[in-house]
Amino acid sequence: DLTQMTFGISRDDAEREFLLQYVDERILPSNPFQTMDPQGVGRLVRMATREGRASRPTLSVGICGEHGGDASSIEICHNAGLNYVSCSPFRVPAARIGAAHAFINNGN
């Protein structure tokens, strides 16, 4: 996954060993596997979307997984111009609310 490669850590190992402590001690603002990091992973998503569409303007871009059901991550994806997010069924209501908030806050 992009988050694992960006941070250079395995989600399973990090969450089991140290990541939650990093969040508790405010070394990280949140678990990057639950909420997309806007300066790191979010920037890579924006760059990939921009560059991909420069080559193919009709390129459809989206994400799937836990970020697809997180309101903050959805707003990052909306601002990056993604076409869709996908998440597990139990996260769909939160994802829909997150998408509505992103639209209201940013338009388009």
PDB file of N, CA and C in Angstrom:
ATOM      1  N   ASP A   1       0.822  -1.196   0.000  1.00  0.00           N
ATOM      2  CA  ASP A   1       0.000   0.000   0.000  1.00  0.00           C
ATOM      3  C   ASP A   1       0.864   1.258   0.000  1.00  0.00           C
ATOM      4  N   LEU A   2       0.275   2.325  -0.496  1.00  0.00           N
ATOM      5  CA  LEU A   2       1.002   3.590  -0.576  1.00  0.00           C
ATOM      6  C   LEU A   2       1.417   4.098   0.800  1.00  0.00           C
ATOM      7  N   THR A   3       0.565   3.967   1.787  1.00  0.00           N
ATOM      8  CA  THR A   3       0.907   4.431   3.138  1.00  0.00           C
ATOM      9  C   THR A   3       2.091   3.641   3.693  1.00  0.00           C
ATOM     10  N   GLN A   4       2.083   2.336   3.517  1.00  0.00           N
ATOM     11  CA  GLN A   4       3.193   1.517   4.017  1.00  0.00           C
ATOM     12  C   GLN A   4       4.499   1.900   3.332  1.00  0.00           C
ATOM     13  N   MET A   5       4.452   2.123   2.029  1.00  0.00           N
ATOM     14  CA  MET A   5       5.662   2.487   1.299  1.00  0.00           C
ATOM     15  C   MET A   5       6.125   3.901   1.645  1.00  0.00           C
ATOM     16  N   THR A   6       5.196   4.817   1.846  1.00  0.00           N
ATOM     17  CA  THR A   6       5.551   6.194   2.173  1.00  0.00           C
ATOM     18  C   THR A   6       6.228   6.279   3.533  1.00  0.00           C
ATOM     19  N   PHE A   7       5.650   5.588   4.501  1.00  0.00           N
ATOM     20  CA  PHE A   7       6.209   5.608   5.856  1.00  0.00           C
ATOM     21  C   PHE A   7       7.334   4.583   6.042  1.00  0.00           C
ATOM     22  N   GLY A   8       7.421   3.639   5.125  1.00  0.00           N
ATOM     23  CA  GLY A   8       8.459   2.617   5.233  1.00  0.00           C
ATOM     24  C   GLY A   8       8.238   1.653   6.381  1.00  0.00           C
ATOM     25  N   ILE A   9       6.957   1.395   6.700  1.00  0.00           N
ATOM     26  CA  ILE A   9       6.639   0.485   7.807  1.00  0.00           C
ATOM     27  C   ILE A   9       5.515  -0.457   7.406  1.00  0.00           C
ATOM     28  N   SER A  10       5.508  -1.613   8.004  1.00  0.00           N
ATOM     29  CA  SER A  10       4.432  -2.575   7.826  1.00  0.00           C
ATOM     30  C   SER A  10       3.309  -2.230   8.802  1.00  0.00           C
ATOM     31  N   ARG A  11       2.093  -2.175   8.308  1.00  0.00           N
ATOM     32  CA  ARG A  11       0.975  -1.834   9.183  1.00  0.00           C
ATOM     33  C   ARG A  11       0.860  -2.808  10.347  1.00  0.00           C
ATOM     34  N   ASP A  12       0.899  -4.081  10.064  1.00  0.00           N
ATOM     35  CA  ASP A  12       0.751  -5.083  11.122  1.00  0.00           C
ATOM     36  C   ASP A  12       1.833  -4.932  12.189  1.00  0.00           C
ATOM     37  N   ASP A  13       3.079  -4.817  11.751  1.00  0.00           N
ATOM     38  CA  ASP A  13       4.179  -4.671  12.709  1.00  0.00           C
ATOM     39  C   ASP A  13       4.079  -3.365  13.477  1.00  0.00           C
ATOM     40  N   ALA A  14       3.802  -2.278  12.774  1.00  0.00           N
ATOM     41  CA  ALA A  14       3.765  -0.960  13.410  1.00  0.00           C
ATOM     42  C   ALA A  14       2.643  -0.867  14.438  1.00  0.00           C
ATOM     43  N   GLU A  15       1.455  -1.334  14.085  1.00  0.00           N
ATOM     44  CA  GLU A  15       0.341  -1.238  15.028  1.00  0.00           C
ATOM     45  C   GLU A  15       0.552  -2.155  16.238  1.00  0.00           C
ATOM     46  N   ARG A  16       1.197  -3.267  16.017  1.00  0.00           N
ATOM     47  CA  ARG A  16       1.462  -4.184  17.117  1.00  0.00           C
ATOM     48  C   ARG A  16       2.584  -3.670  18.024  1.00  0.00           C
ATOM     49  N   GLU A  17       3.567  -2.988  17.453  1.00  0.00           N
ATOM     50  CA  GLU A  17       4.777  -2.657  18.200  1.00  0.00           C
ATOM     51  C   GLU A  17       4.860  -1.217  18.717  1.00  0.00           C
ATOM     52  N   PHE A  18       4.510  -0.220  17.899  1.00  0.00           N
ATOM     53  CA  PHE A  18       4.819   1.146  18.324  1.00  0.00           C
ATOM     54  C   PHE A  18       3.873   2.238  17.833  1.00  0.00           C
ATOM     55  N   LEU A  19       3.142   2.014  16.772  1.00  0.00           N
ATOM     56  CA  LEU A  19       2.389   3.097  16.138  1.00  0.00           C
ATOM     57  C   LEU A  19       1.354   3.738  17.059  1.00  0.00           C
ATOM     58  N   LEU A  20       0.614   2.934  17.791  1.00  0.00           N
ATOM     59  CA  LEU A  20      -0.412   3.485  18.679  1.00  0.00           C
ATOM     60  C   LEU A  20       0.214   4.328  19.790  1.00  0.00           C
ATOM     61  N   GLN A  21       1.399   3.933  20.246  1.00  0.00           N
ATOM     62  CA  GLN A  21       2.123   4.730  21.233  1.00  0.00           C
ATOM     63  C   GLN A  21       2.549   6.065  20.615  1.00  0.00           C
ATOM     64  N   TYR A  22       2.971   6.048  19.351  1.00  0.00           N
ATOM     65  CA  TYR A  22       3.343   7.293  18.660  1.00  0.00           C
ATOM     66  C   TYR A  22       2.161   8.253  18.604  1.00  0.00           C
ATOM     67  N   VAL A  23       0.970   7.715  18.377  1.00  0.00           N
ATOM     68  CA  VAL A  23      -0.230   8.564  18.342  1.00  0.00           C
ATOM     69  C   VAL A  23      -0.548   9.065  19.748  1.00  0.00           C
ATOM     70  N   ASP A  24      -0.489   8.177  20.738  1.00  0.00           N
ATOM     71  CA  ASP A  24      -0.757   8.572  22.130  1.00  0.00           C
ATOM     72  C   ASP A  24       0.199   9.666  22.601  1.00  0.00           C
ATOM     73  N   GLU A  25       1.464   9.559  22.190  1.00  0.00           N
ATOM     74  CA  GLU A  25       2.469  10.542  22.610  1.00  0.00           C
ATOM     75  C   GLU A  25       2.567  11.731  21.648  1.00  0.00           C
ATOM     76  N   ARG A  26       1.676  11.764  20.670  1.00  0.00           N
ATOM     77  CA  ARG A  26       1.563  12.863  19.700  1.00  0.00           C
ATOM     78  C   ARG A  26       2.800  13.033  18.818  1.00  0.00           C
ATOM     79  N   ILE A  27       3.510  11.940  18.606  1.00  0.00           N
ATOM     80  CA  ILE A  27       4.599  11.949  17.628  1.00  0.00           C
ATOM     81  C   ILE A  27       3.974  12.003  16.237  1.00  0.00           C
ATOM     82  N   LEU A  28       2.867  11.300  16.084  1.00  0.00           N
ATOM     83  CA  LEU A  28       2.039  11.367  14.878  1.00  0.00           C
ATOM     84  C   LEU A  28       0.658  11.881  15.293  1.00  0.00           C
ATOM     85  N   PRO A  29       0.016  12.707  14.462  1.00  0.00           N
ATOM     86  CA  PRO A  29      -1.291  13.249  14.842  1.00  0.00           C
ATOM     87  C   PRO A  29      -2.410  12.206  14.843  1.00  0.00           C
ATOM     88  N   SER A  30      -2.258  11.169  14.032  1.00  0.00           N
ATOM     89  CA  SER A  30      -3.257  10.102  13.964  1.00  0.00           C
ATOM     90  C   SER A  30      -2.611   8.878  13.338  1.00  0.00           C
ATOM     91  N   ASN A  31      -3.330   7.777  13.383  1.00  0.00           N
ATOM     92  CA  ASN A  31      -2.846   6.553  12.753  1.00  0.00           C
ATOM     93  C   ASN A  31      -2.894   6.757  11.243  1.00  0.00           C
ATOM     94  N   PRO A  32      -1.748   6.765  10.556  1.00  0.00           N
ATOM     95  CA  PRO A  32      -1.748   7.035   9.117  1.00  0.00           C
ATOM     96  C   PRO A  32      -2.420   5.946   8.283  1.00  0.00           C
ATOM     97  N   PHE A  33      -2.704   4.811   8.893  1.00  0.00           N
ATOM     98  CA  PHE A  33      -3.412   3.753   8.178  1.00  0.00           C
ATOM     99  C   PHE A  33      -4.922   3.923   8.288  1.00  0.00           C
ATOM    100  N   GLN A  34      -5.363   4.819   9.160  1.00  0.00           N
ATOM    101  CA  GLN A  34      -6.788   5.111   9.307  1.00  0.00           C
ATOM    102  C   GLN A  34      -7.159   6.454   8.687  1.00  0.00           C
ATOM    103  N   THR A  35      -6.282   7.439   8.849  1.00  0.00           N
ATOM    104  CA  THR A  35      -6.504   8.776   8.306  1.00  0.00           C
ATOM    105  C   THR A  35      -5.297   9.152   7.457  1.00  0.00           C
ATOM    106  N   MET A  36      -5.547   9.516   6.214  1.00  0.00           N
ATOM    107  CA  MET A  36      -4.472   9.819   5.285  1.00  0.00           C
ATOM    108  C   MET A  36      -3.660  11.029   5.748  1.00  0.00           C
ATOM    109  N   ASP A  37      -2.364  10.897   5.674  1.00  0.00           N
ATOM    110  CA  ASP A  37      -1.437  11.968   5.992  1.00  0.00           C
ATOM    111  C   ASP A  37      -1.435  12.961   4.820  1.00  0.00           C
ATOM    112  N   PRO A  38      -1.927  14.190   5.015  1.00  0.00           N
ATOM    113  CA  PRO A  38      -2.058  15.111   3.877  1.00  0.00           C
ATOM    114  C   PRO A  38      -0.727  15.561   3.276  1.00  0.00           C
ATOM    115  N   GLN A  39       0.314  15.714   4.088  1.00  0.00           N
ATOM    116  CA  GLN A  39       1.587  16.192   3.560  1.00  0.00           C
ATOM    117  C   GLN A  39       2.410  15.097   2.890  1.00  0.00           C
ATOM    118  N   GLY A  40       2.216  13.859   3.283  1.00  0.00           N
ATOM    119  CA  GLY A  40       2.984  12.754   2.709  1.00  0.00           C
ATOM    120  C   GLY A  40       2.190  11.996   1.670  1.00  0.00           C
ATOM    121  N   VAL A  41       1.350  11.095   2.137  1.00  0.00           N
ATOM    122  CA  VAL A  41       0.547  10.260   1.240  1.00  0.00           C
ATOM    123  C   VAL A  41      -0.400  11.128   0.404  1.00  0.00           C
ATOM    124  N   GLY A  42      -1.018  12.118   1.032  1.00  0.00           N
ATOM    125  CA  GLY A  42      -1.926  13.006   0.293  1.00  0.00           C
ATOM    126  C   GLY A  42      -1.220  13.724  -0.840  1.00  0.00           C
ATOM    127  N   ARG A  43       0.000  14.163  -0.581  1.00  0.00           N
ATOM    128  CA  ARG A  43       0.768  14.841  -1.630  1.00  0.00           C
ATOM    129  C   ARG A  43       1.067  13.881  -2.777  1.00  0.00           C
ATOM    130  N   LEU A  44       1.426  12.647  -2.459  1.00  0.00           N
ATOM    131  CA  LEU A  44       1.683  11.666  -3.509  1.00  0.00           C
ATOM    132  C   LEU A  44       0.423  11.373  -4.323  1.00  0.00           C
ATOM    133  N   VAL A  45      -0.720  11.324  -3.661  1.00  0.00           N
ATOM    134  CA  VAL A  45      -1.990  11.110  -4.366  1.00  0.00           C
ATOM    135  C   VAL A  45      -2.266  12.274  -5.314  1.00  0.00           C
ATOM    136  N   ARG A  46      -2.052  13.498  -4.836  1.00  0.00           N
ATOM    137  CA  ARG A  46      -2.260  14.679  -5.699  1.00  0.00           C
ATOM    138  C   ARG A  46      -1.319  14.651  -6.899  1.00  0.00           C
ATOM    139  N   MET A  47      -0.048  14.341  -6.647  1.00  0.00           N
ATOM    140  CA  MET A  47       0.935  14.293  -7.734  1.00  0.00           C
ATOM    141  C   MET A  47       0.582  13.217  -8.762  1.00  0.00           C
ATOM    142  N   ALA A  48       0.229  12.033  -8.280  1.00  0.00           N
ATOM    143  CA  ALA A  48      -0.095  10.936  -9.193  1.00  0.00           C
ATOM    144  C   ALA A  48      -1.339  11.253 -10.016  1.00  0.00           C
ATOM    145  N   THR A  49      -2.330  11.868  -9.372  1.00  0.00           N
ATOM    146  CA  THR A  49      -3.560  12.226 -10.085  1.00  0.00           C
ATOM    147  C   THR A  49      -3.259  13.278 -11.154  1.00  0.00           C
ATOM    148  N   ARG A  50      -2.535  14.303 -10.775  1.00  0.00           N
ATOM    149  CA  ARG A  50      -2.190  15.381 -11.719  1.00  0.00           C
ATOM    150  C   ARG A  50      -1.371  14.843 -12.891  1.00  0.00           C
ATOM    151  N   GLU A  51      -0.329  14.072 -12.585  1.00  0.00           N
ATOM    152  CA  GLU A  51       0.533  13.550 -13.638  1.00  0.00           C
ATOM    153  C   GLU A  51      -0.193  12.532 -14.520  1.00  0.00           C
ATOM    154  N   GLY A  52      -1.016  11.693 -13.902  1.00  0.00           N
ATOM    155  CA  GLY A  52      -1.770  10.724 -14.683  1.00  0.00           C
ATOM    156  C   GLY A  52      -2.729  11.392 -15.651  1.00  0.00           C
ATOM    157  N   ARG A  53      -3.404  12.422 -15.184  1.00  0.00           N
ATOM    158  CA  ARG A  53      -4.353  13.130 -16.049  1.00  0.00           C
ATOM    159  C   ARG A  53      -3.666  14.023 -17.071  1.00  0.00           C
ATOM    160  N   ALA A  54      -2.433  14.420 -16.804  1.00  0.00           N
ATOM    161  CA  ALA A  54      -1.672  15.163 -17.812  1.00  0.00           C
ATOM    162  C   ALA A  54      -1.409  14.270 -19.015  1.00  0.00           C
ATOM    163  N   SER A  55      -1.227  12.981 -18.742  1.00  0.00           N
ATOM    164  CA  SER A  55      -0.985  12.020 -19.808  1.00  0.00           C
ATOM    165  C   SER A  55      -2.288  11.516 -20.423  1.00  0.00           C
ATOM    166  N   ARG A  56      -3.302  11.336 -19.565  1.00  0.00           N
ATOM    167  CA  ARG A  56      -4.600  10.828 -20.037  1.00  0.00           C
ATOM    168  C   ARG A  56      -5.702  11.581 -19.298  1.00  0.00           C
ATOM    169  N   PRO A  57      -6.239  12.641 -19.888  1.00  0.00           N
ATOM    170  CA  PRO A  57      -7.203  13.508 -19.198  1.00  0.00           C
ATOM    171  C   PRO A  57      -8.455  12.798 -18.677  1.00  0.00           C
ATOM    172  N   THR A  58      -8.828  11.704 -19.275  1.00  0.00           N
ATOM    173  CA  THR A  58     -10.040  11.002 -18.844  1.00  0.00           C
ATOM    174  C   THR A  58      -9.763   9.920 -17.795  1.00  0.00           C
ATOM    175  N   LEU A  59      -8.549   9.884 -17.283  1.00  0.00           N
ATOM    176  CA  LEU A  59      -8.167   8.873 -16.305  1.00  0.00           C
ATOM    177  C   LEU A  59      -9.085   8.921 -15.089  1.00  0.00           C
ATOM    178  N   SER A  60      -9.647   7.792 -14.717  1.00  0.00           N
ATOM    179  CA  SER A  60     -10.461   7.664 -13.514  1.00  0.00           C
ATOM    180  C   SER A  60      -9.549   7.249 -12.372  1.00  0.00           C
ATOM    181  N   VAL A  61      -9.595   8.010 -11.274  1.00  0.00           N
ATOM    182  CA  VAL A  61      -8.697   7.773 -10.148  1.00  0.00           C
ATOM    183  C   VAL A  61      -9.523   7.621  -8.883  1.00  0.00           C
ATOM    184  N   GLY A  62      -9.186   6.642  -8.060  1.00  0.00           N
ATOM    185  CA  GLY A  62      -9.892   6.446  -6.803  1.00  0.00           C
ATOM    186  C   GLY A  62      -9.026   5.689  -5.816  1.00  0.00           C
ATOM    187  N   ILE A  63      -9.542   5.548  -4.619  1.00  0.00           N
ATOM    188  CA  ILE A  63      -8.853   4.762  -3.590  1.00  0.00           C
ATOM    189  C   ILE A  63      -9.820   3.736  -3.019  1.00  0.00           C
ATOM    190  N   CYS A  64      -9.265   2.742  -2.394  1.00  0.00           N
ATOM    191  CA  CYS A  64     -10.085   1.769  -1.691  1.00  0.00           C
ATOM    192  C   CYS A  64      -9.429   1.475  -0.354  1.00  0.00           C
ATOM    193  N   GLY A  65     -10.189   0.931   0.541  1.00  0.00           N
ATOM    194  CA  GLY A  65      -9.642   0.567   1.842  1.00  0.00           C
ATOM    195  C   GLY A  65     -10.132   1.483   2.936  1.00  0.00           C
ATOM    196  N   GLU A  66      -9.408   1.451   4.033  1.00  0.00           N
ATOM    197  CA  GLU A  66      -9.831   2.179   5.222  1.00  0.00           C
ATOM    198  C   GLU A  66      -9.918   3.683   4.993  1.00  0.00           C
ATOM    199  N   HIS A  67      -8.992   4.236   4.209  1.00  0.00           N
ATOM    200  CA  HIS A  67      -9.045   5.667   3.917  1.00  0.00           C
ATOM    201  C   HIS A  67     -10.327   6.053   3.194  1.00  0.00           C
ATOM    202  N   GLY A  68     -10.889   5.125   2.453  1.00  0.00           N
ATOM    203  CA  GLY A  68     -12.126   5.399   1.719  1.00  0.00           C
ATOM    204  C   GLY A  68     -13.337   5.596   2.605  1.00  0.00           C
ATOM    205  N   GLY A  69     -13.220   5.275   3.884  1.00  0.00           N
ATOM    206  CA  GLY A  69     -14.334   5.467   4.814  1.00  0.00           C
ATOM    207  C   GLY A  69     -14.040   6.502   5.882  1.00  0.00           C
ATOM    208  N   ASP A  70     -12.952   7.243   5.729  1.00  0.00           N
ATOM    209  CA  ASP A  70     -12.555   8.244   6.718  1.00  0.00           C
ATOM    210  C   ASP A  70     -12.819   9.643   6.168  1.00  0.00           C
ATOM    211  N   ALA A  71     -13.575  10.447   6.899  1.00  0.00           N
ATOM    212  CA  ALA A  71     -13.993  11.769   6.408  1.00  0.00           C
ATOM    213  C   ALA A  71     -12.808  12.665   6.048  1.00  0.00           C
ATOM    214  N   SER A  72     -11.789  12.704   6.879  1.00  0.00           N
ATOM    215  CA  SER A  72     -10.622  13.551   6.588  1.00  0.00           C
ATOM    216  C   SER A  72      -9.905  13.080   5.324  1.00  0.00           C
ATOM    217  N   SER A  73      -9.773  11.784   5.172  1.00  0.00           N
ATOM    218  CA  SER A  73      -9.123  11.233   3.984  1.00  0.00           C
ATOM    219  C   SER A  73      -9.955  11.494   2.737  1.00  0.00           C
ATOM    220  N   ILE A  74     -11.266  11.400   2.874  1.00  0.00           N
ATOM    221  CA  ILE A  74     -12.150  11.661   1.737  1.00  0.00           C
ATOM    222  C   ILE A  74     -11.998  13.105   1.272  1.00  0.00           C
ATOM    223  N   GLU A  75     -11.855  14.024   2.208  1.00  0.00           N
ATOM    224  CA  GLU A  75     -11.668  15.427   1.823  1.00  0.00           C
ATOM    225  C   GLU A  75     -10.347  15.612   1.070  1.00  0.00           C
ATOM    226  N   ILE A  76      -9.302  14.941   1.506  1.00  0.00           N
ATOM    227  CA  ILE A  76      -8.023  15.003   0.790  1.00  0.00           C
ATOM    228  C   ILE A  76      -8.203  14.470  -0.628  1.00  0.00           C
ATOM    229  N   CYS A  77      -8.918  13.360  -0.752  1.00  0.00           N
ATOM    230  CA  CYS A  77      -9.155  12.765  -2.072  1.00  0.00           C
ATOM    231  C   CYS A  77     -10.006  13.679  -2.951  1.00  0.00           C
ATOM    232  N   HIS A  78     -11.012  14.296  -2.364  1.00  0.00           N
ATOM    233  CA  HIS A  78     -11.869  15.239  -3.098  1.00  0.00           C
ATOM    234  C   HIS A  78     -11.018  16.389  -3.638  1.00  0.00           C
ATOM    235  N   ASN A  79     -10.170  16.955  -2.771  1.00  0.00           N
ATOM    236  CA  ASN A  79      -9.335  18.082  -3.184  1.00  0.00           C
ATOM    237  C   ASN A  79      -8.288  17.681  -4.216  1.00  0.00           C
ATOM    238  N   ALA A  80      -7.901  16.422  -4.219  1.00  0.00           N
ATOM    239  CA  ALA A  80      -6.946  15.924  -5.208  1.00  0.00           C
ATOM    240  C   ALA A  80      -7.625  15.620  -6.541  1.00  0.00           C
ATOM    241  N   GLY A  81      -8.949  15.652  -6.567  1.00  0.00           N
ATOM    242  CA  GLY A  81      -9.681  15.408  -7.800  1.00  0.00           C
ATOM    243  C   GLY A  81      -9.995  13.957  -8.084  1.00  0.00           C
ATOM    244  N   LEU A  82      -9.950  13.096  -7.061  1.00  0.00           N
ATOM    245  CA  LEU A  82     -10.282  11.697  -7.292  1.00  0.00           C
ATOM    246  C   LEU A  82     -11.750  11.550  -7.690  1.00  0.00           C
ATOM    247  N   ASN A  83     -12.027  10.520  -8.459  1.00  0.00           N
ATOM    248  CA  ASN A  83     -13.383  10.262  -8.930  1.00  0.00           C
ATOM    249  C   ASN A  83     -14.225   9.488  -7.937  1.00  0.00           C
ATOM    250  N   TYR A  84     -13.580   8.662  -7.123  1.00  0.00           N
ATOM    251  CA  TYR A  84     -14.348   7.810  -6.214  1.00  0.00           C
ATOM    252  C   TYR A  84     -13.494   7.340  -5.050  1.00  0.00           C
ATOM    253  N   VAL A  85     -14.167   6.919  -4.022  1.00  0.00           N
ATOM    254  CA  VAL A  85     -13.542   6.188  -2.910  1.00  0.00           C
ATOM    255  C   VAL A  85     -14.359   4.923  -2.707  1.00  0.00           C
ATOM    256  N   SER A  86     -13.718   3.899  -2.226  1.00  0.00           N
ATOM    257  CA  SER A  86     -14.376   2.631  -1.976  1.00  0.00           C
ATOM    258  C   SER A  86     -14.014   2.194  -0.562  1.00  0.00           C
ATOM    259  N   CYS A  87     -14.981   1.638   0.141  1.00  0.00           N
ATOM    260  CA  CYS A  87     -14.725   1.198   1.514  1.00  0.00           C
ATOM    261  C   CYS A  87     -15.619   0.020   1.840  1.00  0.00           C
ATOM    262  N   SER A  88     -15.404  -0.549   3.012  1.00  0.00           N
ATOM    263  CA  SER A  88     -16.230  -1.675   3.438  1.00  0.00           C
ATOM    264  C   SER A  88     -17.657  -1.191   3.701  1.00  0.00           C
ATOM    265  N   PRO A  89     -18.632  -2.081   3.576  1.00  0.00           N
ATOM    266  CA  PRO A  89     -20.036  -1.683   3.700  1.00  0.00           C
ATOM    267  C   PRO A  89     -20.385  -0.954   4.992  1.00  0.00           C
ATOM    268  N   PHE A  90     -19.815  -1.352   6.117  1.00  0.00           N
ATOM    269  CA  PHE A  90     -20.189  -0.700   7.372  1.00  0.00           C
ATOM    270  C   PHE A  90     -19.676   0.735   7.454  1.00  0.00           C
ATOM    271  N   ARG A  91     -18.732   1.108   6.589  1.00  0.00           N
ATOM    272  CA  ARG A  91     -18.203   2.472   6.594  1.00  0.00           C
ATOM    273  C   ARG A  91     -18.887   3.376   5.570  1.00  0.00           C
ATOM    274  N   VAL A  92     -19.786   2.832   4.754  1.00  0.00           N
ATOM    275  CA  VAL A  92     -20.434   3.622   3.711  1.00  0.00           C
ATOM    276  C   VAL A  92     -21.184   4.839   4.266  1.00  0.00           C
ATOM    277  N   PRO A  93     -21.984   4.717   5.335  1.00  0.00           N
ATOM    278  CA  PRO A  93     -22.667   5.921   5.832  1.00  0.00           C
ATOM    279  C   PRO A  93     -21.696   7.050   6.201  1.00  0.00           C
ATOM    280  N   ALA A  94     -20.618   6.729   6.881  1.00  0.00           N
ATOM    281  CA  ALA A  94     -19.629   7.754   7.242  1.00  0.00           C
ATOM    282  C   ALA A  94     -18.951   8.311   5.995  1.00  0.00           C
ATOM    283  N   ALA A  95     -18.703   7.450   5.015  1.00  0.00           N
ATOM    284  CA  ALA A  95     -18.080   7.900   3.773  1.00  0.00           C
ATOM    285  C   ALA A  95     -18.987   8.865   3.025  1.00  0.00           C
ATOM    286  N   ARG A  96     -20.263   8.580   3.006  1.00  0.00           N
ATOM    287  CA  ARG A  96     -21.201   9.477   2.318  1.00  0.00           C
ATOM    288  C   ARG A  96     -21.264  10.837   3.003  1.00  0.00           C
ATOM    289  N   ILE A  97     -21.266  10.829   4.315  1.00  0.00           N
ATOM    290  CA  ILE A  97     -21.272  12.094   5.062  1.00  0.00           C
ATOM    291  C   ILE A  97     -19.955  12.835   4.816  1.00  0.00           C
ATOM    292  N   GLY A  98     -18.838  12.115   4.834  1.00  0.00           N
ATOM    293  CA  GLY A  98     -17.546  12.732   4.555  1.00  0.00           C
ATOM    294  C   GLY A  98     -17.487  13.346   3.170  1.00  0.00           C
ATOM    295  N   ALA A  99     -18.040  12.651   2.184  1.00  0.00           N
ATOM    296  CA  ALA A  99     -18.060  13.180   0.817  1.00  0.00           C
ATOM    297  C   ALA A  99     -18.934  14.427   0.728  1.00  0.00           C
ATOM    298  N   ALA A 100     -20.057  14.416   1.419  1.00  0.00           N
ATOM    299  CA  ALA A 100     -20.933  15.598   1.422  1.00  0.00           C
ATOM    300  C   ALA A 100     -20.223  16.782   2.067  1.00  0.00           C
ATOM    301  N   HIS A 101     -19.542  16.552   3.176  1.00  0.00           N
ATOM    302  CA  HIS A 101     -18.804  17.634   3.848  1.00  0.00           C
ATOM    303  C   HIS A 101     -17.699  18.173   2.948  1.00  0.00           C
ATOM    304  N   ALA A 102     -16.981  17.288   2.261  1.00  0.00           N
ATOM    305  CA  ALA A 102     -15.912  17.724   1.361  1.00  0.00           C
ATOM    306  C   ALA A 102     -16.482  18.601   0.262  1.00  0.00           C
ATOM    307  N   PHE A 103     -17.622  18.217  -0.286  1.00  0.00           N
ATOM    308  CA  PHE A 103     -18.251  19.012  -1.343  1.00  0.00           C
ATOM    309  C   PHE A 103     -18.693  20.371  -0.805  1.00  0.00           C
ATOM    310  N   ILE A 104     -19.331  20.370   0.350  1.00  0.00           N
ATOM    311  CA  ILE A 104     -19.805  21.628   0.942  1.00  0.00           C
ATOM    312  C   ILE A 104     -18.630  22.545   1.268  1.00  0.00           C
ATOM    313  N   ASN A 105     -17.580  21.984   1.853  1.00  0.00           N
ATOM    314  CA  ASN A 105     -16.417  22.783   2.263  1.00  0.00           C
ATOM    315  C   ASN A 105     -15.589  23.293   1.097  1.00  0.00           C
ATOM    316  N   ASN A 106     -15.567  22.544  -0.008  1.00  0.00           N
ATOM    317  CA  ASN A 106     -14.640  22.859  -1.103  1.00  0.00           C
ATOM    318  C   ASN A 106     -15.280  23.039  -2.471  1.00  0.00           C
ATOM    319  N   GLY A 107     -16.548  22.708  -2.594  1.00  0.00           N
ATOM    320  CA  GLY A 107     -17.197  22.823  -3.894  1.00  0.00           C
ATOM    321  C   GLY A 107     -16.834  21.696  -4.841  1.00  0.00           C
ATOM    322  N   ASN A 108     -17.372  21.821  -6.051  1.00  0.00           N
ATOM    323  CA  ASN A 108     -17.156  20.849  -7.138  1.00  0.00           C
ATOM    324  C   ASN A 108     -17.803  19.545  -6.778  1.00  0.00           C
TER     325      ASN A 108
END
